[in-house]
PDB file of N, CA and C in Angstrom:
ATOM      1  N   GLN A   1      20.974 121.227 111.219  1.00  0.00           N
ATOM      2  CA  GLN A   1      20.476 122.034 112.301  1.00  0.00           C
ATOM      3  C   GLN A   1      19.434 121.284 113.111  1.00  0.00           C
ATOM      4  N   ALA A   2      18.571 120.575 112.435  1.00  0.00           N
ATOM      5  CA  ALA A   2      17.515 119.849 113.137  1.00  0.00           C
ATOM      6  C   ALA A   2      18.089 118.830 114.103  1.00  0.00           C
ATOM      7  N   GLU A   3      19.263 118.321 113.791  1.00  0.00           N
ATOM      8  CA  GLU A   3      19.916 117.323 114.639  1.00  0.00           C
ATOM      9  C   GLU A   3      20.888 117.952 115.634  1.00  0.00           C
ATOM     10  N   GLY A   4      21.011 119.265 115.609  1.00  0.00           N
ATOM     11  CA  GLY A   4      21.906 119.944 116.533  1.00  0.00           C
ATOM     12  C   GLY A   4      23.374 119.819 116.165  1.00  0.00           C
ATOM     13  N   LEU A   5      23.654 119.550 114.900  1.00  0.00           N
ATOM     14  CA  LEU A   5      25.032 119.414 114.445  1.00  0.00           C
ATOM     15  C   LEU A   5      25.549 120.743 113.917  1.00  0.00           C
ATOM     16  N   GLY A   6      26.818 120.968 114.117  1.00  0.00           N
ATOM     17  CA  GLY A   6      27.458 122.156 113.579  1.00  0.00           C
ATOM     18  C   GLY A   6      28.418 121.772 112.475  1.00  0.00           C
ATOM     19  N   VAL A   7      28.800 122.761 111.688  1.00  0.00           N
ATOM     20  CA  VAL A   7      29.727 122.553 110.582  1.00  0.00           C
ATOM     21  C   VAL A   7      30.960 123.405 110.818  1.00  0.00           C
ATOM     22  N   ILE A   8      32.112 122.792 110.654  1.00  0.00           N
ATOM     23  CA  ILE A   8      33.371 123.531 110.680  1.00  0.00           C
ATOM     24  C   ILE A   8      33.802 123.678 109.228  1.00  0.00           C
ATOM     25  N   SER A   9      33.836 124.902 108.761  1.00  0.00           N
ATOM     26  CA  SER A   9      34.115 125.199 107.364  1.00  0.00           C
ATOM     27  C   SER A   9      35.621 125.144 107.105  1.00  0.00           C
ATOM     28  N   TYR A  10      36.034 124.137 106.325  1.00  0.00           N
ATOM     29  CA  TYR A  10      37.438 123.967 105.962  1.00  0.00           C
ATOM     30  C   TYR A  10      37.697 124.774 104.696  1.00  0.00           C
ATOM     31  N   TYR A  11      38.852 125.378 104.572  1.00  0.00           N
ATOM     32  CA  TYR A  11      39.168 126.260 103.440  1.00  0.00           C
ATOM     33  C   TYR A  11      38.171 127.411 103.367  1.00  0.00           C
ATOM     34  N   ALA A  12      37.887 128.017 104.495  1.00  0.00           N
ATOM     35  CA  ALA A  12      36.888 129.083 104.569  1.00  0.00           C
ATOM     36  C   ALA A  12      37.249 130.288 103.700  1.00  0.00           C
ATOM     37  N   LEU A  13      38.519 130.454 103.383  1.00  0.00           N
ATOM     38  CA  LEU A  13      38.934 131.561 102.520  1.00  0.00           C
ATOM     39  C   LEU A  13      39.232 131.096 101.102  1.00  0.00           C
ATOM     40  N   ALA A  14      38.789 129.888 100.764  1.00  0.00           N
ATOM     41  CA  ALA A  14      38.977 129.340  99.410  1.00  0.00           C
ATOM     42  C   ALA A  14      40.442 129.440  98.988  1.00  0.00           C
ATOM     43  N   SER A  15      41.314 128.926  99.849  1.00  0.00           N
ATOM     44  CA  SER A  15      42.766 128.904  99.592  1.00  0.00           C
ATOM     45  C   SER A  15      43.336 130.292  99.309  1.00  0.00           C
ATOM     46  N   GLY A  16      42.777 131.303  99.941  1.00  0.00           N
ATOM     47  CA  GLY A  16      43.275 132.667  99.793  1.00  0.00           C
ATOM     48  C   GLY A  16      42.507 133.506  98.786  1.00  0.00           C
ATOM     49  N   PHE A  17      41.668 132.881  97.973  1.00  0.00           N
ATOM     50  CA  PHE A  17      40.924 133.639  96.962  1.00  0.00           C
ATOM     51  C   PHE A  17      40.058 134.720  97.605  1.00  0.00           C
ATOM     52  N   LEU A  18      39.359 134.396  98.687  1.00  0.00           N
ATOM     53  CA  LEU A  18      38.450 135.359  99.308  1.00  0.00           C
ATOM     54  C   LEU A  18      39.175 136.475 100.055  1.00  0.00           C
ATOM     55  N   SER A  19      40.493 136.401 100.130  1.00  0.00           N
ATOM     56  CA  SER A  19      41.270 137.504 100.696  1.00  0.00           C
ATOM     57  C   SER A  19      41.540 138.572  99.642  1.00  0.00           C
ATOM     58  N   GLY A  20      41.210 138.256  98.379  1.00  0.00           N
ATOM     59  CA  GLY A  20      41.462 139.188  97.287  1.00  0.00           C
ATOM     60  C   GLY A  20      42.824 139.008  96.642  1.00  0.00           C
ATOM     61  N   LYS A  21      43.556 138.001  97.069  1.00  0.00           N
ATOM     62  CA  LYS A  21      44.916 137.777  96.571  1.00  0.00           C
ATOM     63  C   LYS A  21      44.949 137.401  95.095  1.00  0.00           C
ATOM     64  N   TYR A  22      43.933 136.696  94.641  1.00  0.00           N
ATOM     65  CA  TYR A  22      43.899 136.219  93.258  1.00  0.00           C
ATOM     66  C   TYR A  22      42.693 136.823  92.540  1.00  0.00           C
ATOM     67  N   ARG A  23      42.961 137.741  91.613  1.00  0.00           N
ATOM     68  CA  ARG A  23      41.869 138.402  90.897  1.00  0.00           C
ATOM     69  C   ARG A  23      41.951 138.215  89.381  1.00  0.00           C
ATOM     70  N   LYS A  24      43.100 137.804  88.906  1.00  0.00           N
ATOM     71  CA  LYS A  24      43.286 137.617  87.468  1.00  0.00           C
ATOM     72  C   LYS A  24      44.249 136.455  87.241  1.00  0.00           C
ATOM     73  N   PRO A  25      44.254 135.892  86.039  1.00  0.00           N
ATOM     74  CA  PRO A  25      45.109 134.723  85.782  1.00  0.00           C
ATOM     75  C   PRO A  25      46.582 134.945  86.141  1.00  0.00           C
ATOM     76  N   GLU A  26      47.069 136.150  85.955  1.00  0.00           N
ATOM     77  CA  GLU A  26      48.481 136.443  86.250  1.00  0.00           C
ATOM     78  C   GLU A  26      48.805 136.297  87.738  1.00  0.00           C
ATOM     79  N   ASP A  27      47.799 136.333  88.581  1.00  0.00           N
ATOM     80  CA  ASP A  27      48.014 136.202  90.024  1.00  0.00           C
ATOM     81  C   ASP A  27      48.369 134.778  90.434  1.00  0.00           C
ATOM     82  N   ALA A  28      48.304 133.844  89.505  1.00  0.00           N
ATOM     83  CA  ALA A  28      48.626 132.442  89.805  1.00  0.00           C
ATOM     84  C   ALA A  28      50.043 132.294  90.334  1.00  0.00           C
ATOM     85  N   ASP A  29      50.927 133.216  89.968  1.00  0.00           N
ATOM     86  CA  ASP A  29      52.325 133.139  90.396  1.00  0.00           C
ATOM     87  C   ASP A  29      52.551 133.616  91.830  1.00  0.00           C
ATOM     88  N   LYS A  30      51.516 134.049  92.508  1.00  0.00           N
ATOM     89  CA  LYS A  30      51.670 134.590  93.858  1.00  0.00           C
ATOM     90  C   LYS A  30      51.936 133.534  94.919  1.00  0.00           C
ATOM     91  N   SER A  31      51.685 132.275  94.617  1.00  0.00           N
ATOM     92  CA  SER A  31      51.969 131.202  95.573  1.00  0.00           C
ATOM     93  C   SER A  31      52.054 129.882  94.822  1.00  0.00           C
ATOM     94  N   PRO A  32      52.632 128.867  95.465  1.00  0.00           N
ATOM     95  CA  PRO A  32      52.727 127.553  94.809  1.00  0.00           C
ATOM     96  C   PRO A  32      51.369 126.973  94.415  1.00  0.00           C
ATOM     97  N   ARG A  33      50.325 127.262  95.173  1.00  0.00           N
ATOM     98  CA  ARG A  33      49.003 126.729  94.840  1.00  0.00           C
ATOM     99  C   ARG A  33      48.166 127.713  94.026  1.00  0.00           C
ATOM    100  N   GLY A  34      48.755 128.823  93.649  1.00  0.00           N
ATOM    101  CA  GLY A  34      48.028 129.869  92.939  1.00  0.00           C
ATOM    102  C   GLY A  34      47.382 129.416  91.651  1.00  0.00           C
ATOM    103  N   GLY A  35      48.053 128.550  90.911  1.00  0.00           N
ATOM    104  CA  GLY A  35      47.497 128.079  89.644  1.00  0.00           C
ATOM    105  C   GLY A  35      46.165 127.389  89.818  1.00  0.00           C
ATOM    106  N   SER A  36      46.080 126.525  90.814  1.00  0.00           N
ATOM    107  CA  SER A  36      44.820 125.806  91.027  1.00  0.00           C
ATOM    108  C   SER A  36      43.739 126.733  91.582  1.00  0.00           C
ATOM    109  N   VAL A  37      44.132 127.705  92.390  1.00  0.00           N
ATOM    110  CA  VAL A  37      43.162 128.663  92.936  1.00  0.00           C
ATOM    111  C   VAL A  37      42.580 129.506  91.807  1.00  0.00           C
ATOM    112  N   VAL A  38      43.463 130.012  90.946  1.00  0.00           N
ATOM    113  CA  VAL A  38      43.014 130.835  89.823  1.00  0.00           C
ATOM    114  C   VAL A  38      42.107 130.028  88.903  1.00  0.00           C
ATOM    115  N   GLN A  39      42.508 128.816  88.603  1.00  0.00           N
ATOM    116  CA  GLN A  39      41.716 127.972  87.709  1.00  0.00           C
ATOM    117  C   GLN A  39      40.321 127.702  88.282  1.00  0.00           C
ATOM    118  N   LYS A  40      40.250 127.507  89.580  1.00  0.00           N
ATOM    119  CA  LYS A  40      38.982 127.148  90.215  1.00  0.00           C
ATOM    120  C   LYS A  40      38.067 128.346  90.479  1.00  0.00           C
ATOM    121  N   TYR A  41      38.647 129.491  90.842  1.00  0.00           N
ATOM    122  CA  TYR A  41      37.825 130.587  91.345  1.00  0.00           C
ATOM    123  C   TYR A  41      37.796 131.857  90.500  1.00  0.00           C
ATOM    124  N   VAL A  42      38.798 132.090  89.662  1.00  0.00           N
ATOM    125  CA  VAL A  42      38.789 133.319  88.861  1.00  0.00           C
ATOM    126  C   VAL A  42      37.877 133.098  87.655  1.00  0.00           C
ATOM    127  N   ASN A  43      36.614 133.389  87.894  1.00  0.00           N
ATOM    128  CA  ASN A  43      35.572 133.243  86.880  1.00  0.00           C
ATOM    129  C   ASN A  43      34.480 134.266  87.205  1.00  0.00           C
ATOM    130  N   GLU A  44      33.404 134.244  86.447  1.00  0.00           N
ATOM    131  CA  GLU A  44      32.349 135.243  86.644  1.00  0.00           C
ATOM    132  C   GLU A  44      31.817 135.243  88.080  1.00  0.00           C
ATOM    133  N   ARG A  45      31.529 134.079  88.606  1.00  0.00           N
ATOM    134  CA  ARG A  45      30.984 133.990  89.969  1.00  0.00           C
ATOM    135  C   ARG A  45      32.012 134.457  90.998  1.00  0.00           C
ATOM    136  N   GLY A  46      33.243 134.004  90.855  1.00  0.00           N
ATOM    137  CA  GLY A  46      34.288 134.387  91.798  1.00  0.00           C
ATOM    138  C   GLY A  46      34.516 135.886  91.828  1.00  0.00           C
ATOM    139  N   LEU A  47      34.546 136.504  90.655  1.00  0.00           N
ATOM    140  CA  LEU A  47      34.754 137.945  90.595  1.00  0.00           C
ATOM    141  C   LEU A  47      33.543 138.705  91.134  1.00  0.00           C
ATOM    142  N   ARG A  48      32.351 138.155  90.962  1.00  0.00           N
ATOM    143  CA  ARG A  48      31.138 138.754  91.539  1.00  0.00           C
ATOM    144  C   ARG A  48      31.222 138.729  93.078  1.00  0.00           C
ATOM    145  N   ILE A  49      31.711 137.621  93.613  1.00  0.00           N
ATOM    146  CA  ILE A  49      31.870 137.506  95.068  1.00  0.00           C
ATOM    147  C   ILE A  49      32.899 138.511  95.568  1.00  0.00           C
ATOM    148  N   LEU A  50      34.032 138.617  94.862  1.00  0.00           N
ATOM    149  CA  LEU A  50      35.056 139.584  95.281  1.00  0.00           C
ATOM    150  C   LEU A  50      34.523 141.011  95.228  1.00  0.00           C
ATOM    151  N   ALA A  51      33.727 141.334  94.224  1.00  0.00           N
ATOM    152  CA  ALA A  51      33.156 142.683  94.130  1.00  0.00           C
ATOM    153  C   ALA A  51      32.255 142.969  95.332  1.00  0.00           C
ATOM    154  N   ALA A  52      31.462 141.993  95.727  1.00  0.00           N
ATOM    155  CA  ALA A  52      30.603 142.167  96.903  1.00  0.00           C
ATOM    156  C   ALA A  52      31.446 142.289  98.170  1.00  0.00           C
ATOM    157  N   LEU A  53      32.475 141.465  98.287  1.00  0.00           N
ATOM    158  CA  LEU A  53      33.371 141.558  99.447  1.00  0.00           C
ATOM    159  C   LEU A  53      34.055 142.923  99.491  1.00  0.00           C
ATOM    160  N   ASP A  54      34.502 143.411  98.329  1.00  0.00           N
ATOM    161  CA  ASP A  54      35.128 144.737  98.261  1.00  0.00           C
ATOM    162  C   ASP A  54      34.176 145.807  98.783  1.00  0.00           C
ATOM    163  N   ALA A  55      32.926 145.761  98.330  1.00  0.00           N
ATOM    164  CA  ALA A  55      31.945 146.778  98.724  1.00  0.00           C
ATOM    165  C   ALA A  55      31.658 146.726 100.222  1.00  0.00           C
ATOM    166  N   VAL A  56      31.460 145.534 100.739  1.00  0.00           N
ATOM    167  CA  VAL A  56      31.165 145.397 102.173  1.00  0.00           C
ATOM    168  C   VAL A  56      32.392 145.768 103.004  1.00  0.00           C
ATOM    169  N   ALA A  57      33.564 145.340 102.574  1.00  0.00           N
ATOM    170  CA  ALA A  57      34.794 145.664 103.312  1.00  0.00           C
ATOM    171  C   ALA A  57      35.018 147.172 103.356  1.00  0.00           C
ATOM    172  N   GLU A  58      34.749 147.843 102.248  1.00  0.00           N
ATOM    173  CA  GLU A  58      34.903 149.303 102.223  1.00  0.00           C
ATOM    174  C   GLU A  58      33.914 149.954 103.186  1.00  0.00           C
ATOM    175  N   ARG A  59      32.688 149.482 103.162  1.00  0.00           N
ATOM    176  CA  ARG A  59      31.655 150.039 104.039  1.00  0.00           C
ATOM    177  C   ARG A  59      32.017 149.874 105.516  1.00  0.00           C
ATOM    178  N   TYR A  60      32.588 148.735 105.858  1.00  0.00           N
ATOM    179  CA  TYR A  60      32.946 148.452 107.252  1.00  0.00           C
ATOM    180  C   TYR A  60      34.385 148.838 107.585  1.00  0.00           C
ATOM    181  N   GLN A  61      35.103 149.365 106.603  1.00  0.00           N
ATOM    182  CA  GLN A  61      36.517 149.700 106.766  1.00  0.00           C
ATOM    183  C   GLN A  61      37.268 148.505 107.339  1.00  0.00           C
ATOM    184  N   SER A  62      37.112 147.389 106.661  1.00  0.00           N
ATOM    185  CA  SER A  62      37.690 146.130 107.104  1.00  0.00           C
ATOM    186  C   SER A  62      38.341 145.440 105.912  1.00  0.00           C
ATOM    187  N   SER A  63      38.980 144.323 106.172  1.00  0.00           N
ATOM    188  CA  SER A  63      39.621 143.559 105.100  1.00  0.00           C
ATOM    189  C   SER A  63      38.639 142.562 104.497  1.00  0.00           C
ATOM    190  N   LEU A  64      38.930 142.118 103.290  1.00  0.00           N
ATOM    191  CA  LEU A  64      38.108 141.091 102.659  1.00  0.00           C
ATOM    192  C   LEU A  64      38.125 139.825 103.496  1.00  0.00           C
ATOM    193  N   THR A  65      39.282 139.497 104.058  1.00  0.00           N
ATOM    194  CA  THR A  65      39.407 138.302 104.895  1.00  0.00           C
ATOM    195  C   THR A  65      38.441 138.363 106.067  1.00  0.00           C
ATOM    196  N   ALA A  66      38.444 139.480 106.789  1.00  0.00           N
ATOM    197  CA  ALA A  66      37.564 139.616 107.953  1.00  0.00           C
ATOM    198  C   ALA A  66      36.096 139.536 107.544  1.00  0.00           C
ATOM    199  N   VAL A  67      35.745 140.173 106.440  1.00  0.00           N
ATOM    200  CA  VAL A  67      34.351 140.154 105.978  1.00  0.00           C
ATOM    201  C   VAL A  67      33.945 138.746 105.558  1.00  0.00           C
ATOM    202  N   ALA A  68      34.801 138.074 104.790  1.00  0.00           N
ATOM    203  CA  ALA A  68      34.475 136.717 104.330  1.00  0.00           C
ATOM    204  C   ALA A  68      34.268 135.773 105.508  1.00  0.00           C
ATOM    205  N   LEU A  69      35.123 135.864 106.507  1.00  0.00           N
ATOM    206  CA  LEU A  69      34.989 134.982 107.669  1.00  0.00           C
ATOM    207  C   LEU A  69      33.786 135.365 108.531  1.00  0.00           C
ATOM    208  N   ALA A  70      33.519 136.660 108.665  1.00  0.00           N
ATOM    209  CA  ALA A  70      32.342 137.095 109.429  1.00  0.00           C
ATOM    210  C   ALA A  70      31.066 136.615 108.745  1.00  0.00           C
ATOM    211  N   TRP A  71      31.032 136.674 107.413  1.00  0.00           N
ATOM    212  CA  TRP A  71      29.866 136.184 106.670  1.00  0.00           C
ATOM    213  C   TRP A  71      29.706 134.683 106.883  1.00  0.00           C
ATOM    214  N   THR A  72      30.813 133.959 106.819  1.00  0.00           N
ATOM    215  CA  THR A  72      30.770 132.506 107.028  1.00  0.00           C
ATOM    216  C   THR A  72      30.224 132.185 108.414  1.00  0.00           C
ATOM    217  N   MET A  73      30.725 132.886 109.438  1.00  0.00           N
ATOM    218  CA  MET A  73      30.289 132.618 110.808  1.00  0.00           C
ATOM    219  C   MET A  73      28.826 132.993 111.038  1.00  0.00           C
ATOM    220  N   ALA A  74      28.287 133.872 110.200  1.00  0.00           N
ATOM    221  CA  ALA A  74      26.888 134.279 110.345  1.00  0.00           C
ATOM    222  C   ALA A  74      25.917 133.277 109.723  1.00  0.00           C
ATOM    223  N   GLN A  75      26.434 132.282 109.019  1.00  0.00           N
ATOM    224  CA  GLN A  75      25.569 131.302 108.358  1.00  0.00           C
ATOM    225  C   GLN A  75      25.022 130.302 109.375  1.00  0.00           C
ATOM    226  N   PRO A  76      23.756 129.951 109.239  1.00  0.00           N
ATOM    227  CA  PRO A  76      23.166 128.967 110.156  1.00  0.00           C
ATOM    228  C   PRO A  76      23.918 127.638 110.095  1.00  0.00           C
ATOM    229  N   GLY A  77      24.182 127.085 111.253  1.00  0.00           N
ATOM    230  CA  GLY A  77      24.829 125.778 111.319  1.00  0.00           C
ATOM    231  C   GLY A  77      26.341 125.806 111.311  1.00  0.00           C
ATOM    232  N   ILE A  78      26.935 126.953 111.009  1.00  0.00           N
ATOM    233  CA  ILE A  78      28.400 127.038 111.001  1.00  0.00           C
ATOM    234  C   ILE A  78      28.880 127.222 112.437  1.00  0.00           C
ATOM    235  N   THR A  79      29.699 126.282 112.882  1.00  0.00           N
ATOM    236  CA  THR A  79      30.281 126.364 114.217  1.00  0.00           C
ATOM    237  C   THR A  79      31.518 127.246 114.200  1.00  0.00           C
ATOM    238  N   ALA A  80      32.369 127.038 113.190  1.00  0.00           N
ATOM    239  CA  ALA A  80      33.601 127.815 113.068  1.00  0.00           C
ATOM    240  C   ALA A  80      34.190 127.619 111.682  1.00  0.00           C
ATOM    241  N   PRO A  81      34.849 128.653 111.164  1.00  0.00           N
ATOM    242  CA  PRO A  81      35.598 128.486 109.926  1.00  0.00           C
ATOM    243  C   PRO A  81      37.052 128.155 110.255  1.00  0.00           C
ATOM    244  N   ILE A  82      37.695 127.445 109.364  1.00  0.00           N
ATOM    245  CA  ILE A  82      39.127 127.191 109.504  1.00  0.00           C
ATOM    246  C   ILE A  82      39.838 128.070 108.486  1.00  0.00           C
ATOM    247  N   ALA A  83      40.775 128.866 108.952  1.00  0.00           N
ATOM    248  CA  ALA A  83      41.564 129.726 108.080  1.00  0.00           C
ATOM    249  C   ALA A  83      42.991 129.736 108.606  1.00  0.00           C
ATOM    250  N   SER A  84      43.938 129.848 107.699  1.00  0.00           N
ATOM    251  CA  SER A  84      45.339 129.856 108.118  1.00  0.00           C
ATOM    252  C   SER A  84      46.005 131.154 107.682  1.00  0.00           C
ATOM    253  N   ALA A  85      47.098 131.459 108.343  1.00  0.00           N
ATOM    254  CA  ALA A  85      47.860 132.666 108.043  1.00  0.00           C
ATOM    255  C   ALA A  85      49.335 132.313 107.924  1.00  0.00           C
ATOM    256  N   THR A  86      50.009 132.990 107.010  1.00  0.00           N
ATOM    257  CA  THR A  86      51.457 132.818 106.875  1.00  0.00           C
ATOM    258  C   THR A  86      52.203 134.082 107.286  1.00  0.00           C
ATOM    259  N   GLU A  87      51.440 135.149 107.546  1.00  0.00           N
ATOM    260  CA  GLU A  87      52.033 136.417 107.963  1.00  0.00           C
ATOM    261  C   GLU A  87      51.218 136.997 109.117  1.00  0.00           C
ATOM    262  N   GLU A  88      51.859 137.826 109.923  1.00  0.00           N
ATOM    263  CA  GLU A  88      51.187 138.419 111.080  1.00  0.00           C
ATOM    264  C   GLU A  88      49.959 139.237 110.671  1.00  0.00           C
ATOM    265  N   GLU A  89      50.055 139.987 109.581  1.00  0.00           N
ATOM    266  CA  GLU A  89      48.929 140.804 109.127  1.00  0.00           C
ATOM    267  C   GLU A  89      47.723 139.936 108.781  1.00  0.00           C
ATOM    268  N   GLN A  90      47.969 138.778 108.194  1.00  0.00           N
ATOM    269  CA  GLN A  90      46.873 137.858 107.875  1.00  0.00           C
ATOM    270  C   GLN A  90      46.194 137.369 109.148  1.00  0.00           C
ATOM    271  N   LEU A  91      46.973 137.086 110.165  1.00  0.00           N
ATOM    272  CA  LEU A  91      46.410 136.647 111.442  1.00  0.00           C
ATOM    273  C   LEU A  91      45.542 137.743 112.055  1.00  0.00           C
ATOM    274  N   LYS A  92      45.991 138.978 111.974  1.00  0.00           N
ATOM    275  CA  LYS A  92      45.201 140.099 112.500  1.00  0.00           C
ATOM    276  C   LYS A  92      43.855 140.199 111.790  1.00  0.00           C
ATOM    277  N   GLU A  93      43.867 140.005 110.472  1.00  0.00           N
ATOM    278  CA  GLU A  93      42.619 140.066 109.707  1.00  0.00           C
ATOM    279  C   GLU A  93      41.672 138.935 110.107  1.00  0.00           C
ATOM    280  N   ILE A  94      42.226 137.758 110.327  1.00  0.00           N
ATOM    281  CA  ILE A  94      41.406 136.622 110.767  1.00  0.00           C
ATOM    282  C   ILE A  94      40.777 136.929 112.123  1.00  0.00           C
ATOM    283  N   LEU A  95      41.562 137.454 113.039  1.00  0.00           N
ATOM    284  CA  LEU A  95      41.060 137.756 114.380  1.00  0.00           C
ATOM    285  C   LEU A  95      40.015 138.871 114.362  1.00  0.00           C
ATOM    286  N   GLN A  96      40.148 139.829 113.447  1.00  0.00           N
ATOM    287  CA  GLN A  96      39.161 140.908 113.334  1.00  0.00           C
ATOM    288  C   GLN A  96      37.780 140.365 112.993  1.00  0.00           C
ATOM    289  N   SER A  97      37.752 139.258 112.285  1.00  0.00           N
ATOM    290  CA  SER A  97      36.463 138.706 111.850  1.00  0.00           C
ATOM    291  C   SER A  97      35.579 138.294 113.023  1.00  0.00           C
ATOM    292  N   VAL A  98      36.193 137.965 114.144  1.00  0.00           N
ATOM    293  CA  VAL A  98      35.429 137.510 115.308  1.00  0.00           C
ATOM    294  C   VAL A  98      34.546 138.629 115.856  1.00  0.00           C
ATOM    295  N   GLU A  99      35.019 139.852 115.778  1.00  0.00           N
ATOM    296  CA  GLU A  99      34.270 140.981 116.329  1.00  0.00           C
ATOM    297  C   GLU A  99      33.431 141.710 115.287  1.00  0.00           C
ATOM    298  N   LEU A 100      33.608 141.372 114.027  1.00  0.00           N
ATOM    299  CA  LEU A 100      32.887 142.053 112.957  1.00  0.00           C
ATOM    300  C   LEU A 100      31.469 141.500 112.839  1.00  0.00           C
ATOM    301  N   GLN A 101      30.497 142.341 113.096  1.00  0.00           N
ATOM    302  CA  GLN A 101      29.086 141.958 113.006  1.00  0.00           C
ATOM    303  C   GLN A 101      28.488 142.610 111.762  1.00  0.00           C
ATOM    304  N   LEU A 102      28.209 141.809 110.755  1.00  0.00           N
ATOM    305  CA  LEU A 102      27.638 142.328 109.518  1.00  0.00           C
ATOM    306  C   LEU A 102      26.127 142.492 109.667  1.00  0.00           C
ATOM    307  N   ASP A 103      25.593 143.586 109.136  1.00  0.00           N
ATOM    308  CA  ASP A 103      24.146 143.785 109.207  1.00  0.00           C
ATOM    309  C   ASP A 103      23.448 142.954 108.129  1.00  0.00           C
ATOM    310  N   ASP A 104      22.122 142.955 108.176  1.00  0.00           N
ATOM    311  CA  ASP A 104      21.338 142.140 107.243  1.00  0.00           C
ATOM    312  C   ASP A 104      21.607 142.501 105.789  1.00  0.00           C
ATOM    313  N   ALA A 105      21.793 143.781 105.508  1.00  0.00           N
ATOM    314  CA  ALA A 105      22.041 144.208 104.126  1.00  0.00           C
ATOM    315  C   ALA A 105      23.357 143.634 103.606  1.00  0.00           C
ATOM    316  N   ALA A 106      24.386 143.665 104.432  1.00  0.00           N
ATOM    317  CA  ALA A 106      25.681 143.118 104.025  1.00  0.00           C
ATOM    318  C   ALA A 106      25.600 141.609 103.846  1.00  0.00           C
ATOM    319  N   LEU A 107      24.943 140.936 104.775  1.00  0.00           N
ATOM    320  CA  LEU A 107      24.786 139.482 104.666  1.00  0.00           C
ATOM    321  C   LEU A 107      24.025 139.115 103.398  1.00  0.00           C
ATOM    322  N   HIS A 108      22.979 139.863 103.099  1.00  0.00           N
ATOM    323  CA  HIS A 108      22.184 139.605 101.895  1.00  0.00           C
ATOM    324  C   HIS A 108      23.022 139.844 100.634  1.00  0.00           C
ATOM    325  N   GLN A 109      23.776 140.928 100.621  1.00  0.00           N
ATOM    326  CA  GLN A 109      24.615 141.249  99.465  1.00  0.00           C
ATOM    327  C   GLN A 109      25.607 140.123  99.182  1.00  0.00           C
ATOM    328  N   LEU A 110      26.244 139.614 100.216  1.00  0.00           N
ATOM    329  CA  LEU A 110      27.225 138.537 100.048  1.00  0.00           C
ATOM    330  C   LEU A 110      26.555 137.221  99.667  1.00  0.00           C
ATOM    331  N   THR A 111      25.414 136.952 100.250  1.00  0.00           N
ATOM    332  CA  THR A 111      24.686 135.722  99.921  1.00  0.00           C
ATOM    333  C   THR A 111      24.223 135.744  98.470  1.00  0.00           C
ATOM    334  N   GLU A 112      23.709 136.874  98.026  1.00  0.00           N
ATOM    335  CA  GLU A 112      23.266 136.996  96.630  1.00  0.00           C
ATOM    336  C   GLU A 112      24.442 136.851  95.670  1.00  0.00           C
ATOM    337  N   ALA A 113      25.567 137.474  95.993  1.00  0.00           N
ATOM    338  CA  ALA A 113      26.733 137.414  95.110  1.00  0.00           C
ATOM    339  C   ALA A 113      27.281 135.999  94.989  1.00  0.00           C
ATOM    340  N   SER A 114      27.154 135.226  96.044  1.00  0.00           N
ATOM    341  CA  SER A 114      27.731 133.876  96.034  1.00  0.00           C
ATOM    342  C   SER A 114      26.765 132.801  95.561  1.00  0.00           C
ATOM    343  N   ALA A 115      25.528 133.192  95.271  1.00  0.00           N
ATOM    344  CA  ALA A 115      24.531 132.210  94.826  1.00  0.00           C
ATOM    345  C   ALA A 115      24.962 131.558  93.516  1.00  0.00           C
ATOM    346  N   LEU A 116      24.640 130.293  93.380  1.00  0.00           N
ATOM    347  CA  LEU A 116      24.984 129.565  92.147  1.00  0.00           C
ATOM    348  C   LEU A 116      24.049 129.916  91.018  1.00  0.00           C
TER     349      LEU A 116
END
């Protein structure tokens, strides 16, 4: 930030994990890369993040994808997140994130849940 540089967040949805697609080991079969996603993210921290995303998404009547991307875009120094879609509904959720403005309480909840 001090240098005026921005960050483009690659894999902003953690290969689909932050969309809620992978919540348990059995979900590894949902895609060709599911095994590596489950191995990397289905753990105590990952499930804590999904629980926070679920709560915020319910409060805003939005998708986990839109909330995760809105949270990412609200971070200092983030210029843009990179996210991909394989279905029209996924694209709609990505686009919703642009207009979703999370309040301080939601941002804090997600930041706390994702802390190491």
